[in-house]
Amino acid sequence: MPRHAKRSAAADTVFLTAIENGHPVRGACRAAGYARRCVYRWRAQDPAFAAAWANALQMAGDLLEEEADRRGRDGVDVPVFHKGEACGVKRKYADGLLLARLKAIRPEKYREQVMQAKPDNQPVAVQLRDFALERLTQRLLRGETVEISEIPPRLQHLLLAPDIERRTQESVSTPVPSVPFP
């Protein structure tokens, strides 16, 4: 179907129904035969269309939350194959969806929290979820020296000067300097 800029009540209904069912704007436009740029323009110009779109997004959010809850809590049946033939089903749970839902419902308990320092230099409380980083921090707080090789690679670029990294790559036989806790 060609994409066009002419609106109709029927095409609006198709577009909004697709949005309500969790489809992205591009897919909803394709279903309604609308050009994507036009629907954004109509939303900016027509408050009624904007309100209907916002309502459709709210309904889509509710629908997708229910599905995430169902997959995390009840799981889905996945076929099991043996020698190319289906021999049964296995229940598979979406742990990531369940954790994301817990973070949304109970952020005080499940969401990673970082408090920023206040202007009057009060102590900062940081809750670490990276266990390797937590062990490294505990060692540094006890005053232990940590070798550069013990720092996870994802953090080395944050802590080390570029010349130290270059030197460690040039010669692996040279002893690597220790990084004292600042």
Protein backbone atom coordinates (compact mmCIF):
# COMPACT_ATOMS: atom_id res chain seq x y z
CA MET A 1 0.00 0.00 0.00
CA PRO A 2 1.49 3.40 -0.89
CA ARG A 3 2.28 5.74 1.95
CA HIS A 4 0.34 8.94 1.76
CA ALA A 5 -0.38 12.03 3.80
CA LYS A 6 -4.19 11.91 3.58
CA ARG A 7 -5.79 11.12 6.86
CA SER A 8 -8.98 9.18 7.34
CA ALA A 9 -10.80 8.04 10.44
CA ALA A 10 -10.44 4.41 9.36
CA ALA A 11 -6.69 4.71 8.81
CA ASP A 12 -6.32 6.57 12.13
CA THR A 13 -8.09 3.65 13.84
CA VAL A 14 -5.74 1.14 12.18
CA PHE A 15 -2.70 3.22 13.19
CA LEU A 16 -3.80 3.67 16.81
CA THR A 17 -4.84 0.02 17.16
CA ALA A 18 -1.40 -1.07 15.98
CA ILE A 19 0.23 1.26 18.53
CA GLU A 20 -2.08 -0.12 21.27
CA ASN A 21 -0.96 -3.65 20.39
CA GLY A 22 2.67 -2.75 20.98
CA HIS A 23 3.80 -2.24 17.39
CA PRO A 24 6.42 0.43 16.69
CA VAL A 25 5.43 3.62 14.88
CA ARG A 26 7.00 2.41 11.63
CA GLY A 27 4.88 -0.76 11.65
CA ALA A 28 1.72 1.13 12.59
CA CYS A 29 2.33 3.56 9.72
CA ARG A 30 2.80 0.66 7.33
CA ALA A 31 -0.46 -0.91 8.48
CA ALA A 32 -2.39 2.37 8.09
CA GLY A 33 -0.69 3.39 4.86
CA TYR A 34 0.67 6.58 6.41
CA ALA A 35 4.02 8.23 5.91
CA ARG A 36 5.94 8.25 9.19
CA ARG A 37 6.83 11.93 9.01
CA CYS A 38 3.14 12.80 8.57
CA VAL A 39 1.96 11.09 11.77
CA TYR A 40 4.54 13.00 13.80
CA ARG A 41 3.41 16.24 12.16
CA TRP A 42 -0.26 15.42 12.85
CA ARG A 43 0.58 14.63 16.46
CA ALA A 44 2.26 18.02 16.85
CA GLN A 45 -0.63 19.87 15.17
CA ASP A 46 -3.73 17.96 16.34
CA PRO A 47 -4.21 17.75 20.13
CA ALA A 48 -6.96 15.11 19.76
CA PHE A 49 -4.68 12.87 17.68
CA ALA A 50 -1.84 13.45 20.14
CA ALA A 51 -4.10 12.47 23.07
CA ALA A 52 -5.32 9.34 21.24
CA TRP A 53 -1.69 8.41 20.49
CA ALA A 54 -0.67 8.94 24.13
CA ASN A 55 -3.60 6.78 25.25
CA ALA A 56 -2.60 4.06 22.77
CA LEU A 57 0.97 4.14 24.10
CA GLN A 58 -0.34 3.80 27.65
CA MET A 59 -2.39 0.76 26.63
CA ALA A 60 0.63 -0.72 24.81
CA GLY A 61 2.73 -0.25 27.93
CA ASP A 62 0.14 -2.08 30.03
CA LEU A 63 -0.07 -4.90 27.48
CA LEU A 64 3.70 -5.29 27.28
CA GLU A 65 4.04 -5.22 31.08
CA GLU A 66 1.49 -8.02 31.36
CA GLU A 67 3.39 -10.08 28.79
CA ALA A 68 6.72 -9.46 30.55
CA ASP A 69 5.14 -10.51 33.85
CA ARG A 70 3.69 -13.66 32.27
CA ARG A 71 6.99 -14.70 30.66
CA GLY A 72 8.95 -14.02 33.84
CA ARG A 73 6.46 -15.62 36.23
CA ASP A 74 4.82 -18.42 34.18
CA GLY A 75 7.40 -18.92 31.42
CA VAL A 76 6.75 -20.27 27.94
CA ASP A 77 6.91 -23.80 26.56
CA VAL A 78 9.83 -24.36 24.19
CA PRO A 79 10.00 -27.52 22.10
CA VAL A 80 12.83 -29.97 22.82
CA PHE A 81 14.34 -31.85 19.87
CA HIS A 82 16.27 -35.10 19.79
CA LYS A 83 17.84 -36.29 16.54
CA GLY A 84 15.81 -33.74 14.62
CA GLU A 85 12.42 -34.73 16.03
CA ALA A 86 10.34 -32.99 18.68
CA CYS A 87 10.32 -35.15 21.79
CA GLY A 88 8.74 -32.85 24.34
CA VAL A 89 8.62 -29.35 25.74
CA LYS A 90 10.61 -27.47 28.32
CA ARG A 91 9.42 -24.50 30.36
CA LYS A 92 11.65 -21.46 29.83
CA TYR A 93 11.46 -18.40 32.06
CA ALA A 94 12.58 -14.90 31.14
CA ASP A 95 14.71 -14.02 34.15
CA GLY A 96 15.77 -10.71 32.63
CA LEU A 97 12.16 -9.60 32.19
CA LEU A 98 11.34 -10.61 35.73
CA LEU A 99 14.29 -8.67 37.11
CA ALA A 100 13.38 -5.61 35.03
CA ARG A 101 9.85 -5.81 36.39
CA LEU A 102 11.10 -6.09 39.98
CA LYS A 103 13.30 -3.04 39.43
CA ALA A 104 10.26 -1.11 38.20
CA ILE A 105 7.90 -2.25 40.98
CA ARG A 106 10.37 -2.20 43.89
CA PRO A 107 13.19 0.13 42.89
CA GLU A 108 14.27 0.68 46.50
CA LYS A 109 15.15 -3.00 46.76
CA TYR A 110 16.21 -4.11 43.27
CA ARG A 111 17.46 -1.10 41.31
CA GLU A 112 21.14 -0.18 41.43
CA GLN A 113 21.44 2.97 43.48
CA VAL A 114 24.08 5.64 43.41
CA MET A 115 23.80 8.73 45.56
CA GLN A 116 25.70 11.81 44.47
CA ALA A 117 27.70 13.96 46.83
CA LYS A 118 25.90 16.95 48.22
CA PRO A 119 27.46 20.40 47.84
CA ASP A 120 28.46 20.50 51.53
CA ASN A 121 30.77 17.46 51.03
CA GLN A 122 28.71 15.02 53.06
CA PRO A 123 29.65 11.34 52.78
CA VAL A 124 28.46 9.53 49.69
CA ALA A 125 26.72 6.14 49.91
CA VAL A 126 27.19 3.87 46.91
CA GLN A 127 25.55 0.49 46.50
CA LEU A 128 27.74 -1.66 44.23
CA ARG A 129 26.28 -4.48 42.18
CA ASP A 130 29.51 -5.38 40.38
CA PHE A 131 31.00 -7.99 42.71
CA ALA A 132 34.49 -7.90 41.15
CA LEU A 133 34.54 -4.14 41.56
CA GLU A 134 33.19 -4.47 45.10
CA ARG A 135 36.02 -6.86 46.09
CA LEU A 136 38.56 -4.54 44.49
CA THR A 137 37.12 -1.56 46.38
CA GLN A 138 37.19 -3.45 49.69
CA ARG A 139 40.86 -4.31 49.17
CA LEU A 140 41.70 -0.69 48.39
CA LEU A 141 39.79 0.54 51.44
CA ARG A 142 41.80 -1.87 53.62
CA GLY A 143 44.93 -0.17 52.26
CA GLU A 144 46.08 -3.08 50.13
CA THR A 145 47.99 -2.42 46.92
CA VAL A 146 46.29 -3.62 43.76
CA GLU A 147 48.24 -4.55 40.66
CA ILE A 148 47.06 -3.09 37.36
CA SER A 149 46.54 -6.59 36.02
CA GLU A 150 43.96 -7.18 38.79
CA ILE A 151 41.79 -4.28 37.66
CA PRO A 152 39.05 -5.43 35.27
CA PRO A 153 39.83 -4.29 31.69
CA ARG A 154 36.52 -2.40 31.51
CA LEU A 155 37.80 -0.11 34.32
CA GLN A 156 41.46 0.20 33.44
CA HIS A 157 40.87 2.98 30.92
CA LEU A 158 39.09 5.00 33.62
CA LEU A 159 41.84 4.65 36.20
CA LEU A 160 45.05 4.56 34.24
CA ALA A 161 46.88 7.24 32.32
CA PRO A 162 47.19 6.46 28.59
CA ASP A 163 51.01 6.17 28.82
CA ILE A 164 50.81 3.36 31.43
CA GLU A 165 48.45 1.40 29.19
CA ARG A 166 50.79 1.94 26.22
CA ARG A 167 53.82 0.78 28.25
CA THR A 168 52.07 -2.39 29.41
CA GLN A 169 51.17 -3.25 25.82
CA GLU A 170 54.74 -2.60 24.57
CA SER A 171 56.50 -4.92 27.00
CA VAL A 172 54.82 -7.65 28.97
CA SER A 173 58.10 -8.61 30.65
CA THR A 174 58.40 -5.21 32.37
CA PRO A 175 56.89 -5.25 35.87
CA VAL A 176 53.57 -3.44 35.96
CA PRO A 177 53.38 -0.59 38.48
CA SER A 178 50.90 -0.72 41.36
CA VAL A 179 48.02 1.69 41.58
CA PRO A 180 47.62 3.15 45.07
CA PHE A 181 44.15 4.04 46.27
CA PRO A 182 43.66 7.81 45.89
